[in-house]
Amino acid sequence: MPIRAKAATLVRDIATILLPVSVRAKIRAFQRKHKLQTVPVGSVDFGSLRRLSPISPIFGIDRDLISVERYYIEKFLETHSADITGRVLEMGDPGYTEKFGGDRVSRSDVLNYVDGNPQATIVADLTRADNIPDNSFDCIIITQTL
């Protein structure tokens, strides 16, 4: 690896450690807008692709990127945002409800399958959710849940 590339990698690694995610996101946006960041063909190191762990354990957030599936999920929700209305149930956190429902949402509930999520208003297993009354919600947002 050329010295300039090594220096750039070192600066990026140090910035990743020292700078908050919000500052790094602004720097990345500036770089993309002004086309200041280029990656030469063949220079991306994915490590061993025979491993069982993901390249990024936090879905690309460590690289200030939105994951591919989240891009399409958000496009879908944006297209159908008029349907996010009334009482809404969302898995894990109310992020999509807030982002795409806005003032059309009269009540937002968060479902989590284990205790410990401070945002959860309902703790239940979807396969045995007897404590959730039928016909309670106008909209349910369940993404990336198996």
C-alpha atoms as a PDB file:
ATOM      1  CA  MET A   1       0.000   0.000   0.000  1.00  0.00           C
ATOM      2  CA  PRO A   2       1.462   3.409  -0.943  1.00  0.00           C
ATOM      3  CA  ILE A   3       2.445   5.777   1.878  1.00  0.00           C
ATOM      4  CA  ARG A   4      -0.324   8.258   1.009  1.00  0.00           C
ATOM      5  CA  ALA A   5      -2.974   5.517   1.234  1.00  0.00           C
ATOM      6  CA  LYS A   6      -1.543   4.337   4.572  1.00  0.00           C
ATOM      7  CA  ALA A   7      -1.649   7.893   5.909  1.00  0.00           C
ATOM      8  CA  ALA A   8      -5.246   8.333   4.748  1.00  0.00           C
ATOM      9  CA  THR A   9      -6.224   5.064   6.417  1.00  0.00           C
ATOM     10  CA  LEU A  10      -4.512   6.123   9.647  1.00  0.00           C
ATOM     11  CA  VAL A  11      -6.270   9.518   9.640  1.00  0.00           C
ATOM     12  CA  ARG A  12      -9.643   7.840   8.985  1.00  0.00           C
ATOM     13  CA  ASP A  13      -9.092   5.309  11.772  1.00  0.00           C
ATOM     14  CA  ILE A  14      -8.133   8.036  14.253  1.00  0.00           C
ATOM     15  CA  ALA A  15     -11.134  10.165  13.222  1.00  0.00           C
ATOM     16  CA  THR A  16     -13.417   7.148  13.699  1.00  0.00           C
ATOM     17  CA  ILE A  17     -12.157   6.774  17.255  1.00  0.00           C
ATOM     18  CA  LEU A  18     -12.133  10.457  18.232  1.00  0.00           C
ATOM     19  CA  LEU A  19     -14.991  12.129  16.357  1.00  0.00           C
ATOM     20  CA  PRO A  20     -18.671  11.650  17.230  1.00  0.00           C
ATOM     21  CA  VAL A  21     -20.850   9.913  14.640  1.00  0.00           C
ATOM     22  CA  SER A  22     -22.698  13.179  13.869  1.00  0.00           C
ATOM     23  CA  VAL A  23     -19.453  14.991  12.960  1.00  0.00           C
ATOM     24  CA  ARG A  24     -18.255  12.074  10.831  1.00  0.00           C
ATOM     25  CA  ALA A  25     -21.606  12.035   9.018  1.00  0.00           C
ATOM     26  CA  LYS A  26     -21.215  15.737   8.137  1.00  0.00           C
ATOM     27  CA  ILE A  27     -17.674  15.162   6.882  1.00  0.00           C
ATOM     28  CA  ARG A  28     -18.830  12.214   4.745  1.00  0.00           C
ATOM     29  CA  ALA A  29     -21.703  14.244   3.306  1.00  0.00           C
ATOM     30  CA  PHE A  30     -19.287  17.061   2.408  1.00  0.00           C
ATOM     31  CA  GLN A  31     -16.894  14.563   0.802  1.00  0.00           C
ATOM     32  CA  ARG A  32     -19.681  12.996  -1.259  1.00  0.00           C
ATOM     33  CA  LYS A  33     -21.138  16.345  -2.308  1.00  0.00           C
ATOM     34  CA  HIS A  34     -17.779  17.610  -3.533  1.00  0.00           C
ATOM     35  CA  LYS A  35     -16.578  14.209  -4.785  1.00  0.00           C
ATOM     36  CA  LEU A  36     -13.518  14.363  -2.539  1.00  0.00           C
ATOM     37  CA  GLN A  37     -13.580  10.719  -1.572  1.00  0.00           C
ATOM     38  CA  THR A  38     -12.478   8.171  -4.119  1.00  0.00           C
ATOM     39  CA  VAL A  39     -11.717   4.519  -3.574  1.00  0.00           C
ATOM     40  CA  PRO A  40      -9.395   2.997  -6.160  1.00  0.00           C
ATOM     41  CA  VAL A  41     -10.613  -0.223  -7.761  1.00  0.00           C
ATOM     42  CA  GLY A  42      -9.293  -3.231  -5.878  1.00  0.00           C
ATOM     43  CA  SER A  43      -8.408  -1.311  -2.723  1.00  0.00           C
ATOM     44  CA  VAL A  44     -11.347  -2.384  -0.551  1.00  0.00           C
ATOM     45  CA  ASP A  45     -10.336  -5.071   1.935  1.00  0.00           C
ATOM     46  CA  PHE A  46     -13.302  -7.208   2.973  1.00  0.00           C
ATOM     47  CA  GLY A  47     -11.112  -9.510   5.050  1.00  0.00           C
ATOM     48  CA  SER A  48     -11.995 -13.171   4.993  1.00  0.00           C
ATOM     49  CA  LEU A  49     -15.412 -13.731   3.455  1.00  0.00           C
ATOM     50  CA  ARG A  50     -15.430 -17.223   4.957  1.00  0.00           C
ATOM     51  CA  ARG A  51     -16.168 -15.851   8.424  1.00  0.00           C
ATOM     52  CA  LEU A  52     -19.522 -16.153  10.176  1.00  0.00           C
ATOM     53  CA  SER A  53     -19.538 -12.615  11.574  1.00  0.00           C
ATOM     54  CA  PRO A  54     -20.680  -9.626   9.499  1.00  0.00           C
ATOM     55  CA  ILE A  55     -18.218  -7.102   8.043  1.00  0.00           C
ATOM     56  CA  SER A  56     -19.927  -4.487  10.171  1.00  0.00           C
ATOM     57  CA  PRO A  57     -21.718  -5.581  13.348  1.00  0.00           C
ATOM     58  CA  ILE A  58     -23.688  -2.316  13.416  1.00  0.00           C
ATOM     59  CA  PHE A  59     -25.150  -2.329   9.897  1.00  0.00           C
ATOM     60  CA  GLY A  60     -22.697   0.120   8.305  1.00  0.00           C
ATOM     61  CA  ILE A  61     -23.322   2.890  10.834  1.00  0.00           C
ATOM     62  CA  ASP A  62     -19.616   2.711  11.683  1.00  0.00           C
ATOM     63  CA  ARG A  63     -18.954   3.804   8.094  1.00  0.00           C
ATOM     64  CA  ASP A  64     -21.715   6.437   8.190  1.00  0.00           C
ATOM     65  CA  LEU A  65     -23.684   4.544   5.578  1.00  0.00           C
ATOM     66  CA  ILE A  66     -27.301   3.510   5.311  1.00  0.00           C
ATOM     67  CA  SER A  67     -27.545  -0.190   4.582  1.00  0.00           C
ATOM     68  CA  VAL A  68     -28.953  -1.306   1.251  1.00  0.00           C
ATOM     69  CA  GLU A  69     -32.042  -2.906   2.766  1.00  0.00           C
ATOM     70  CA  ARG A  70     -32.776   0.186   4.866  1.00  0.00           C
ATOM     71  CA  TYR A  71     -32.614   2.334   1.733  1.00  0.00           C
ATOM     72  CA  TYR A  72     -35.390   0.254   0.140  1.00  0.00           C
ATOM     73  CA  ILE A  73     -37.373   0.004   3.382  1.00  0.00           C
ATOM     74  CA  GLU A  74     -37.333   3.790   3.709  1.00  0.00           C
ATOM     75  CA  LYS A  75     -38.293   4.289   0.052  1.00  0.00           C
ATOM     76  CA  PHE A  76     -41.248   1.930   0.577  1.00  0.00           C
ATOM     77  CA  LEU A  77     -42.338   3.669   3.780  1.00  0.00           C
ATOM     78  CA  GLU A  78     -41.968   7.073   2.143  1.00  0.00           C
ATOM     79  CA  THR A  79     -44.181   5.951  -0.748  1.00  0.00           C
ATOM     80  CA  HIS A  80     -46.798   4.594   1.680  1.00  0.00           C
ATOM     81  CA  SER A  81     -46.437   7.253   4.382  1.00  0.00           C
ATOM     82  CA  ALA A  82     -50.115   8.232   4.049  1.00  0.00           C
ATOM     83  CA  ASP A  83     -50.965   4.780   5.469  1.00  0.00           C
ATOM     84  CA  ILE A  84     -49.000   5.454   8.672  1.00  0.00           C
ATOM     85  CA  THR A  85     -51.841   6.988  10.622  1.00  0.00           C
ATOM     86  CA  GLY A  86     -53.860   6.602  13.819  1.00  0.00           C
ATOM     87  CA  ARG A  87     -52.542   4.189  16.422  1.00  0.00           C
ATOM     88  CA  VAL A  88     -49.267   2.716  15.159  1.00  0.00           C
ATOM     89  CA  LEU A  89     -47.241  -0.228  16.443  1.00  0.00           C
ATOM     90  CA  GLU A  90     -43.565  -0.527  15.548  1.00  0.00           C
ATOM     91  CA  MET A  91     -40.926  -3.080  16.506  1.00  0.00           C
ATOM     92  CA  GLY A  92     -37.946  -1.969  18.607  1.00  0.00           C
ATOM     93  CA  ASP A  93     -38.210   1.813  18.417  1.00  0.00           C
ATOM     94  CA  PRO A  94     -40.582   4.438  16.989  1.00  0.00           C
ATOM     95  CA  GLY A  95     -38.108   5.785  14.424  1.00  0.00           C
ATOM     96  CA  TYR A  96     -40.064   5.036  11.252  1.00  0.00           C
ATOM     97  CA  THR A  97     -43.369   5.977  12.878  1.00  0.00           C
ATOM     98  CA  GLU A  98     -41.975   9.400  13.756  1.00  0.00           C
ATOM     99  CA  LYS A  99     -40.154   9.893  10.448  1.00  0.00           C
ATOM    100  CA  PHE A 100     -42.956   8.847   8.105  1.00  0.00           C
ATOM    101  CA  GLY A 101     -46.134   9.182  10.200  1.00  0.00           C
ATOM    102  CA  GLY A 102     -45.674  12.640  11.644  1.00  0.00           C
ATOM    103  CA  ASP A 103     -48.807  14.332  12.938  1.00  0.00           C
ATOM    104  CA  ARG A 104     -51.060  11.687  11.345  1.00  0.00           C
ATOM    105  CA  VAL A 105     -50.158   9.367  14.241  1.00  0.00           C
ATOM    106  CA  SER A 106     -52.445   9.720  17.260  1.00  0.00           C
ATOM    107  CA  ARG A 107     -50.616   7.140  19.386  1.00  0.00           C
ATOM    108  CA  SER A 108     -47.326   5.331  18.916  1.00  0.00           C
ATOM    109  CA  ASP A 109     -46.571   2.008  20.606  1.00  0.00           C
ATOM    110  CA  VAL A 110     -43.288   0.117  20.524  1.00  0.00           C
ATOM    111  CA  LEU A 111     -43.195  -3.664  20.713  1.00  0.00           C
ATOM    112  CA  ASN A 112     -40.148  -5.474  22.046  1.00  0.00           C
ATOM    113  CA  TYR A 113     -39.869  -9.199  22.705  1.00  0.00           C
ATOM    114  CA  VAL A 114     -37.768  -8.897  25.897  1.00  0.00           C
ATOM    115  CA  ASP A 115     -37.713  -6.519  28.850  1.00  0.00           C
ATOM    116  CA  GLY A 116     -35.086  -3.814  28.941  1.00  0.00           C
ATOM    117  CA  ASN A 117     -35.958  -1.528  26.022  1.00  0.00           C
ATOM    118  CA  PRO A 118     -36.876   1.828  27.601  1.00  0.00           C
ATOM    119  CA  GLN A 119     -38.876   2.791  24.496  1.00  0.00           C
ATOM    120  CA  ALA A 120     -41.047  -0.336  24.591  1.00  0.00           C
ATOM    121  CA  THR A 121     -44.663   0.193  25.583  1.00  0.00           C
ATOM    122  CA  ILE A 122     -45.504  -3.477  24.950  1.00  0.00           C
ATOM    123  CA  VAL A 123     -43.290  -6.463  25.777  1.00  0.00           C
ATOM    124  CA  ALA A 124     -44.500  -9.573  23.979  1.00  0.00           C
ATOM    125  CA  ASP A 125     -43.517 -12.388  21.663  1.00  0.00           C
ATOM    126  CA  LEU A 126     -45.270 -12.046  18.309  1.00  0.00           C
ATOM    127  CA  THR A 127     -45.942 -15.774  18.213  1.00  0.00           C
ATOM    128  CA  ARG A 128     -47.787 -15.607  21.573  1.00  0.00           C
ATOM    129  CA  ALA A 129     -49.014 -12.029  21.917  1.00  0.00           C
ATOM    130  CA  ASP A 130     -52.134 -12.829  23.943  1.00  0.00           C
ATOM    131  CA  ASN A 131     -51.751  -9.610  25.941  1.00  0.00           C
ATOM    132  CA  ILE A 132     -52.242  -7.475  22.799  1.00  0.00           C
ATOM    133  CA  PRO A 133     -55.961  -6.989  22.087  1.00  0.00           C
ATOM    134  CA  ASP A 134     -57.172  -7.785  18.571  1.00  0.00           C
ATOM    135  CA  ASN A 135     -57.926  -4.857  16.246  1.00  0.00           C
ATOM    136  CA  SER A 136     -55.919  -2.385  18.380  1.00  0.00           C
ATOM    137  CA  PHE A 137     -53.811  -0.785  15.690  1.00  0.00           C
ATOM    138  CA  ASP A 138     -54.447   1.135  12.499  1.00  0.00           C
ATOM    139  CA  CYS A 139     -50.910   0.512  11.234  1.00  0.00           C
ATOM    140  CA  ILE A 140     -48.115  -1.882  12.176  1.00  0.00           C
ATOM    141  CA  ILE A 141     -44.529  -1.327  11.040  1.00  0.00           C
ATOM    142  CA  ILE A 142     -42.475  -4.489  11.350  1.00  0.00           C
ATOM    143  CA  THR A 143     -39.230  -4.412   9.391  1.00  0.00           C
ATOM    144  CA  GLN A 144     -36.387  -6.915   9.454  1.00  0.00           C
ATOM    145  CA  THR A 145     -38.158  -9.198  11.913  1.00  0.00           C
ATOM    146  CA  LEU A 146     -38.136 -12.944  11.453  1.00  0.00           C
END
